[in-house]
Amino acid sequence: MTMTDSLDRRTVLRSTGAVVTAGLLAGCGGDGGEDGSGDDDGGGGEDGGTTDTETDTPTETEMSTETEGGETAGASQEVSEYLSETSNFDGSVSTMTDQDTVTVTVGAEANGGAFGFDPAAINVSTGTTVQFEWTGEGGNHNVVSDGDGPLDSGEAVGEEGVNYEYTFEEAGTYLYYCTPHETLGMKGAIVVE
């Protein structure tokens, strides 16, 4: 290897590093990047997606961003970790705090088939009713809280138009899944403020 080869290799590595860094920095502005992660200005947005157990750090709370379907905010670490293997979770939480009723689709396209909840993560206010609406796709599904939560739609069913609803009266983070398809990543999260 000659000195010229070594310099050329260094130049390529520096250039590649600069391009990657520029791409990461570009993702931090505007929409918070594809996965909603990255550093922000520490201002913490208005998402209020914290739990009573700990205070968010700047990397866990992202600035709110306007999108086509409304406002989104970066997910807390708890939600991000729980939904880390859910293909239709992009790191953001759909903010729907101004609605009395919110619909989550059961059997949405995700995780290699119709094995998702859509949206995967939502933020609602106390008193909001969340309606789970089956598409009839992907086989039998149900909605069950992870842990001791309140969600339990019963036996998994596959018919289109099945509805299950729950009104959230207490603030907190509610994690849930579909029993037959949990290992595929069919999971969701509801952050109630």
Protein backbone atom coordinates (compact mmCIF):
# COMPACT_ATOMS: atom_id res chain seq x y z
CA MET A 1 0.00 0.00 0.00
CA THR A 2 1.37 3.40 -0.96
CA MET A 3 0.89 6.67 0.88
CA THR A 4 -1.45 7.82 -1.90
CA ASP A 5 -3.69 4.75 -1.35
CA SER A 6 -3.81 5.50 2.37
CA LEU A 7 -4.74 9.16 1.77
CA ASP A 8 -7.43 8.20 -0.74
CA ARG A 9 -8.90 5.73 1.73
CA ARG A 10 -8.93 8.39 4.47
CA THR A 11 -10.57 10.87 2.11
CA VAL A 12 -13.29 8.33 1.26
CA LEU A 13 -13.88 7.54 4.95
CA ARG A 14 -14.07 11.23 5.87
CA SER A 15 -16.44 11.94 2.99
CA THR A 16 -18.65 9.00 3.92
CA GLY A 17 -18.69 10.11 7.56
CA ALA A 18 -19.62 13.65 6.53
CA VAL A 19 -22.49 12.42 4.34
CA VAL A 20 -23.83 10.15 7.12
CA THR A 21 -23.56 12.96 9.67
CA ALA A 22 -25.32 15.40 7.35
CA GLY A 23 -28.10 12.85 6.78
CA LEU A 24 -28.57 12.34 10.50
CA LEU A 25 -28.64 16.07 11.17
CA ALA A 26 -31.12 16.60 8.35
CA GLY A 27 -33.39 13.99 9.99
CA CYS A 28 -33.33 15.97 13.25
CA GLY A 29 -35.05 19.00 11.75
CA GLY A 30 -38.62 19.11 10.54
CA ASP A 31 -40.20 15.71 11.12
CA GLY A 32 -37.80 14.18 13.63
CA GLY A 33 -36.48 11.59 11.18
CA GLU A 34 -38.06 8.43 9.89
CA ASP A 35 -37.98 6.68 13.24
CA GLY A 36 -38.72 9.73 15.39
CA SER A 37 -35.44 9.40 17.23
CA GLY A 38 -32.57 11.82 17.57
CA ASP A 39 -31.69 14.75 19.73
CA ASP A 40 -33.96 17.74 20.04
CA ASP A 41 -33.58 21.07 21.69
CA GLY A 42 -34.59 19.62 25.07
CA GLY A 43 -37.78 21.69 24.99
CA GLY A 44 -39.91 18.59 25.33
CA GLY A 45 -43.05 19.08 23.12
CA GLU A 46 -46.63 19.14 24.24
CA ASP A 47 -47.19 15.41 23.93
CA GLY A 48 -47.20 14.78 27.68
CA GLY A 49 -46.45 11.13 26.96
CA THR A 50 -44.67 10.56 30.25
CA THR A 51 -45.62 8.16 32.97
CA ASP A 52 -45.52 8.76 36.70
CA THR A 53 -42.44 6.58 37.09
CA GLU A 54 -39.75 8.78 35.60
CA THR A 55 -39.03 12.05 33.84
CA ASP A 56 -38.29 11.97 30.11
CA THR A 57 -34.84 12.86 28.91
CA PRO A 58 -34.43 14.96 25.78
CA THR A 59 -33.90 11.83 23.65
CA GLU A 60 -37.21 10.34 24.85
CA THR A 61 -39.44 13.35 24.22
CA GLU A 62 -39.47 14.80 20.73
CA MET A 63 -40.94 17.97 19.31
CA SER A 64 -44.43 17.73 17.84
CA THR A 65 -44.75 17.71 14.07
CA GLU A 66 -47.75 18.36 11.84
CA THR A 67 -48.53 15.47 9.48
CA GLU A 68 -51.26 14.68 6.99
CA GLY A 69 -53.34 12.81 9.60
CA GLY A 70 -52.81 15.33 12.39
CA GLU A 71 -50.05 15.89 14.89
CA THR A 72 -47.44 13.33 15.93
CA ALA A 73 -44.89 13.30 18.68
CA GLY A 74 -41.90 11.13 19.47
CA ALA A 75 -42.63 8.07 21.57
CA SER A 76 -41.37 7.58 25.11
CA GLN A 77 -38.67 5.02 25.72
CA GLU A 78 -41.24 2.61 27.20
CA VAL A 79 -43.41 2.74 24.07
CA SER A 80 -40.43 2.61 21.69
CA GLU A 81 -39.01 -0.47 23.38
CA TYR A 82 -42.37 -2.25 23.47
CA LEU A 83 -43.07 -1.55 19.77
CA SER A 84 -39.48 -1.99 18.58
CA GLU A 85 -40.37 -5.08 16.50
CA THR A 86 -43.67 -3.73 15.16
CA SER A 87 -43.17 -2.94 11.47
CA ASN A 88 -45.74 -0.13 11.21
CA PHE A 89 -44.34 1.76 14.24
CA ASP A 90 -42.09 4.57 13.02
CA GLY A 91 -41.12 5.98 16.42
CA SER A 92 -43.97 8.46 16.56
CA VAL A 93 -47.23 8.63 18.47
CA SER A 94 -50.36 9.99 16.72
CA THR A 95 -51.70 12.81 18.88
CA MET A 96 -55.51 12.66 19.06
CA THR A 97 -56.10 14.51 22.33
CA ASP A 98 -58.83 16.69 20.83
CA GLN A 99 -61.14 13.77 19.95
CA ASP A 100 -63.82 12.12 22.09
CA THR A 101 -63.60 8.87 20.12
CA VAL A 102 -60.58 7.42 18.33
CA THR A 103 -60.58 4.37 16.04
CA VAL A 104 -57.75 1.83 15.89
CA THR A 105 -57.88 -0.68 13.04
CA VAL A 106 -57.33 -4.34 13.99
CA GLY A 107 -55.83 -6.43 11.20
CA ALA A 108 -54.06 -3.55 9.44
CA GLU A 109 -51.26 -4.22 6.98
CA ALA A 110 -48.08 -4.72 9.04
CA ASN A 111 -45.59 -7.35 10.16
CA GLY A 112 -45.68 -9.32 6.90
CA GLY A 113 -49.47 -9.41 6.46
CA ALA A 114 -52.61 -8.07 8.07
CA PHE A 115 -51.04 -8.38 11.52
CA GLY A 116 -51.05 -4.83 12.85
CA PHE A 117 -52.95 -2.20 14.78
CA ASP A 118 -53.25 1.14 12.98
CA PRO A 119 -52.13 3.51 14.26
CA ALA A 120 -49.65 1.51 16.34
CA ALA A 121 -49.31 4.24 18.99
CA ILE A 122 -51.76 6.98 19.92
CA ASN A 123 -51.96 9.79 22.47
CA VAL A 124 -55.44 10.61 23.82
CA SER A 125 -56.95 12.57 26.71
CA THR A 126 -58.67 11.05 29.72
CA GLY A 127 -62.31 10.33 28.94
CA THR A 128 -61.55 9.33 25.34
CA THR A 129 -63.17 6.17 24.01
CA VAL A 130 -60.88 4.06 21.81
CA GLN A 131 -62.80 1.89 19.34
CA PHE A 132 -61.00 -1.14 17.94
CA GLU A 133 -62.45 -2.07 14.55
CA TRP A 134 -61.64 -5.40 12.84
CA THR A 135 -60.82 -5.45 9.10
CA GLY A 136 -61.54 -9.17 8.65
CA GLU A 137 -58.01 -9.64 7.32
CA GLY A 138 -55.12 -11.68 8.75
CA GLY A 139 -57.11 -14.35 10.58
CA ASN A 140 -58.43 -14.13 14.12
CA HIS A 141 -57.37 -11.17 16.29
CA ASN A 142 -58.06 -9.83 19.75
CA VAL A 143 -56.94 -6.91 21.94
CA VAL A 144 -55.35 -7.77 25.28
CA SER A 145 -53.46 -5.53 27.71
CA ASP A 146 -49.83 -6.35 28.37
CA GLY A 147 -49.72 -6.98 32.13
CA ASP A 148 -52.63 -6.03 34.35
CA GLY A 149 -54.19 -3.43 32.04
CA PRO A 150 -57.89 -2.99 31.33
CA LEU A 151 -58.05 -4.11 27.69
CA ASP A 152 -59.52 -7.53 26.92
CA SER A 153 -61.73 -8.03 23.88
CA GLY A 154 -62.10 -11.76 24.62
CA GLU A 155 -61.60 -14.61 22.15
CA ALA A 156 -59.76 -13.85 18.93
CA VAL A 157 -62.20 -13.32 16.04
CA GLY A 158 -61.73 -12.73 12.33
CA GLU A 159 -64.95 -11.20 11.06
CA GLU A 160 -64.93 -7.75 9.47
CA GLY A 161 -66.83 -5.10 11.39
CA VAL A 162 -66.29 -6.53 14.88
CA ASN A 163 -65.93 -3.68 17.36
CA TYR A 164 -64.50 -3.45 20.85
CA GLU A 165 -64.23 -0.20 22.76
CA TYR A 166 -62.81 1.07 26.01
CA THR A 167 -63.03 4.51 27.63
CA PHE A 168 -59.79 5.57 29.32
CA GLU A 169 -60.50 7.43 32.56
CA GLU A 170 -56.98 7.34 34.05
CA ALA A 171 -53.76 8.83 32.69
CA GLY A 172 -50.95 6.40 31.92
CA THR A 173 -49.38 4.28 29.23
CA TYR A 174 -51.39 1.25 28.13
CA LEU A 175 -49.57 -1.41 26.11
CA TYR A 176 -51.52 -4.16 24.32
CA TYR A 177 -51.20 -6.96 21.79
CA CYS A 178 -53.06 -9.57 19.74
CA THR A 179 -52.67 -12.98 21.43
CA PRO A 180 -52.37 -15.10 18.24
CA HIS A 181 -49.95 -12.66 16.55
CA GLU A 182 -47.93 -11.10 19.39
CA THR A 183 -44.75 -12.89 18.29
CA LEU A 184 -45.17 -11.37 14.81
CA GLY A 185 -45.14 -7.88 16.36
CA MET A 186 -48.88 -7.19 16.46
CA LYS A 187 -48.69 -4.74 19.34
CA GLY A 188 -49.95 -1.26 20.13
CA ALA A 189 -49.73 1.52 22.70
CA ILE A 190 -52.13 4.14 24.03
CA VAL A 191 -50.72 7.07 25.98
CA VAL A 192 -53.46 8.79 28.01
CA GLU A 193 -52.86 12.26 29.45
